[in-house]
C-alpha atoms as a PDB file:
ATOM      1  CA  UNK A   1       0.000   0.000   0.000  1.00  0.00           C
ATOM      2  CA  UNK A   2       1.085   3.538  -0.664  1.00  0.00           C
ATOM      3  CA  UNK A   3       0.658   5.934   2.266  1.00  0.00           C
ATOM      4  CA  UNK A   4      -0.406   9.418   1.191  1.00  0.00           C
ATOM      5  CA  UNK A   5      -0.396  12.600   3.296  1.00  0.00           C
ATOM      6  CA  UNK A   6       2.353  11.365   5.583  1.00  0.00           C
ATOM      7  CA  UNK A   7       2.503  14.802   7.217  1.00  0.00           C
ATOM      8  CA  UNK A   8      -0.315  13.570   9.487  1.00  0.00           C
ATOM      9  CA  UNK A   9       2.142  11.070  10.986  1.00  0.00           C
ATOM     10  CA  UNK A  10       4.921  13.650  11.254  1.00  0.00           C
ATOM     11  CA  UNK A  11       2.647  16.138  13.025  1.00  0.00           C
ATOM     12  CA  UNK A  12       1.345  13.447  15.379  1.00  0.00           C
ATOM     13  CA  UNK A  13       4.870  12.484  16.436  1.00  0.00           C
ATOM     14  CA  UNK A  14       5.712  16.156  16.910  1.00  0.00           C
ATOM     15  CA  UNK A  15       2.731  16.634  19.269  1.00  0.00           C
ATOM     16  CA  UNK A  16       2.765  13.186  20.881  1.00  0.00           C
ATOM     17  CA  UNK A  17       6.316  11.922  21.328  1.00  0.00           C
ATOM     18  CA  UNK A  18       5.086   8.532  22.513  1.00  0.00           C
ATOM     19  CA  UNK A  19       3.821   7.817  18.989  1.00  0.00           C
ATOM     20  CA  UNK A  20       7.164   7.653  17.203  1.00  0.00           C
ATOM     21  CA  UNK A  21       7.661   3.895  17.532  1.00  0.00           C
ATOM     22  CA  UNK A  22       4.002   2.808  17.165  1.00  0.00           C
ATOM     23  CA  UNK A  23       3.518   4.923  14.027  1.00  0.00           C
ATOM     24  CA  UNK A  24       6.812   3.749  12.523  1.00  0.00           C
ATOM     25  CA  UNK A  25       5.675   0.158  13.073  1.00  0.00           C
ATOM     26  CA  UNK A  26       2.220   0.930  11.597  1.00  0.00           C
ATOM     27  CA  UNK A  27       3.818   2.595   8.558  1.00  0.00           C
ATOM     28  CA  UNK A  28       6.141  -0.358   7.921  1.00  0.00           C
ATOM     29  CA  UNK A  29       3.282  -2.849   8.132  1.00  0.00           C
ATOM     30  CA  UNK A  30       0.982  -0.824   5.871  1.00  0.00           C
ATOM     31  CA  UNK A  31       3.587  -0.126   3.184  1.00  0.00           C
ATOM     32  CA  UNK A  32       4.317  -3.854   2.938  1.00  0.00           C
ATOM     33  CA  UNK A  33       0.637  -4.866   2.839  1.00  0.00           C
ATOM     34  CA  UNK A  34      -1.356  -5.790  -0.251  1.00  0.00           C
ATOM     35  CA  UNK A  35      -4.890  -5.922   1.142  1.00  0.00           C
ATOM     36  CA  UNK A  36      -7.740  -6.461  -1.297  1.00  0.00           C
ATOM     37  CA  UNK A  37     -10.575  -5.599   1.105  1.00  0.00           C
ATOM     38  CA  UNK A  38     -11.469  -4.704   4.686  1.00  0.00           C
ATOM     39  CA  UNK A  39     -11.613  -8.350   5.723  1.00  0.00           C
ATOM     40  CA  UNK A  40      -7.975  -8.830   4.720  1.00  0.00           C
ATOM     41  CA  UNK A  41      -6.978  -5.564   6.410  1.00  0.00           C
ATOM     42  CA  UNK A  42      -8.621  -6.784   9.627  1.00  0.00           C
ATOM     43  CA  UNK A  43      -6.427  -9.891   9.557  1.00  0.00           C
ATOM     44  CA  UNK A  44      -3.528  -7.493  10.145  1.00  0.00           C
ATOM     45  CA  UNK A  45      -5.296  -4.865  12.289  1.00  0.00           C
ATOM     46  CA  UNK A  46      -8.247  -6.716  13.822  1.00  0.00           C
ATOM     47  CA  UNK A  47      -9.697  -3.751  15.752  1.00  0.00           C
ATOM     48  CA  UNK A  48      -9.923  -1.504  12.708  1.00  0.00           C
ATOM     49  CA  UNK A  49     -13.306   0.126  12.144  1.00  0.00           C
ATOM     50  CA  UNK A  50     -14.821   1.594   9.007  1.00  0.00           C
ATOM     51  CA  UNK A  51     -17.260   4.451   9.600  1.00  0.00           C
ATOM     52  CA  UNK A  52     -18.866   6.296   6.679  1.00  0.00           C
ATOM     53  CA  UNK A  53     -16.012   5.403   4.326  1.00  0.00           C
ATOM     54  CA  UNK A  54     -13.286   6.297   6.818  1.00  0.00           C
ATOM     55  CA  UNK A  55     -11.069   3.529   8.137  1.00  0.00           C
ATOM     56  CA  UNK A  56     -10.074   4.073  11.756  1.00  0.00           C
ATOM     57  CA  UNK A  57      -6.930   2.377  12.994  1.00  0.00           C
ATOM     58  CA  UNK A  58      -6.412   2.024  16.733  1.00  0.00           C
ATOM     59  CA  UNK A  59      -2.847   3.043  17.563  1.00  0.00           C
ATOM     60  CA  UNK A  60      -0.848   2.354  20.705  1.00  0.00           C
ATOM     61  CA  UNK A  61      -3.302   0.159  22.549  1.00  0.00           C
ATOM     62  CA  UNK A  62      -6.310   2.199  21.428  1.00  0.00           C
ATOM     63  CA  UNK A  63      -4.912   5.405  22.948  1.00  0.00           C
ATOM     64  CA  UNK A  64      -5.017   7.075  19.525  1.00  0.00           C
ATOM     65  CA  UNK A  65      -7.210   6.863  16.440  1.00  0.00           C
ATOM     66  CA  UNK A  66      -5.734   7.261  12.963  1.00  0.00           C
ATOM     67  CA  UNK A  67      -8.353   8.165  10.348  1.00  0.00           C
ATOM     68  CA  UNK A  68      -7.671   7.202   6.743  1.00  0.00           C
ATOM     69  CA  UNK A  69      -9.344   6.531   3.431  1.00  0.00           C
ATOM     70  CA  UNK A  70      -8.257   3.144   2.127  1.00  0.00           C
ATOM     71  CA  UNK A  71      -8.547   2.511  -1.604  1.00  0.00           C
ATOM     72  CA  UNK A  72      -7.948  -1.194  -2.046  1.00  0.00           C
ATOM     73  CA  UNK A  73      -8.054  -1.048  -5.840  1.00  0.00           C
ATOM     74  CA  UNK A  74      -5.406   1.693  -6.022  1.00  0.00           C
ATOM     75  CA  UNK A  75      -3.473   0.156  -3.095  1.00  0.00           C
ATOM     76  CA  UNK A  76      -3.422   3.543  -1.360  1.00  0.00           C
ATOM     77  CA  UNK A  77      -4.063   4.812   2.158  1.00  0.00           C
ATOM     78  CA  UNK A  78      -4.790   8.546   2.412  1.00  0.00           C
ATOM     79  CA  UNK A  79      -4.265   9.783   5.969  1.00  0.00           C
ATOM     80  CA  UNK A  80      -6.810  12.294   7.194  1.00  0.00           C
ATOM     81  CA  UNK A  81      -6.033  12.888  10.876  1.00  0.00           C
ATOM     82  CA  UNK A  82      -4.898  11.389  14.143  1.00  0.00           C
ATOM     83  CA  UNK A  83      -6.612  12.094  17.437  1.00  0.00           C
ATOM     84  CA  UNK A  84      -6.517  10.750  20.952  1.00  0.00           C
ATOM     85  CA  UNK A  85      -9.146   8.241  21.984  1.00  0.00           C
ATOM     86  CA  UNK A  86     -10.525  10.847  24.401  1.00  0.00           C
ATOM     87  CA  UNK A  87     -10.857  13.434  21.585  1.00  0.00           C
ATOM     88  CA  UNK A  88     -12.584  10.858  19.388  1.00  0.00           C
ATOM     89  CA  UNK A  89     -15.017   9.833  22.150  1.00  0.00           C
ATOM     90  CA  UNK A  90     -15.846  13.432  22.980  1.00  0.00           C
ATOM     91  CA  UNK A  91     -16.488  14.265  19.324  1.00  0.00           C
ATOM     92  CA  UNK A  92     -18.622  11.167  18.696  1.00  0.00           C
ATOM     93  CA  UNK A  93     -20.482  11.249  21.990  1.00  0.00           C
ATOM     94  CA  UNK A  94     -18.802   8.088  23.246  1.00  0.00           C
ATOM     95  CA  UNK A  95     -19.679   5.999  20.187  1.00  0.00           C
ATOM     96  CA  UNK A  96     -16.847   3.820  18.930  1.00  0.00           C
END
């Protein structure tokens, strides 16, 4: 998979130093993946959710949520944003 808009990762590490290793590991896994659908993606990241076309990866033991658009046909992951679990819960009213 190709990861697009990598600045989301760079900004996250800048604001949350504890994310450097988990995001580097996530990036390595994703760039080596060749998923054809969400079911295959969930074999790698089993707690991944898809909400209204946005794939949400749980990062660092579900402390952070990485929002992305995954295009399986193009083999591309476009990063939208990263937020803490608390920010996500507050914004969604506690819905996962």
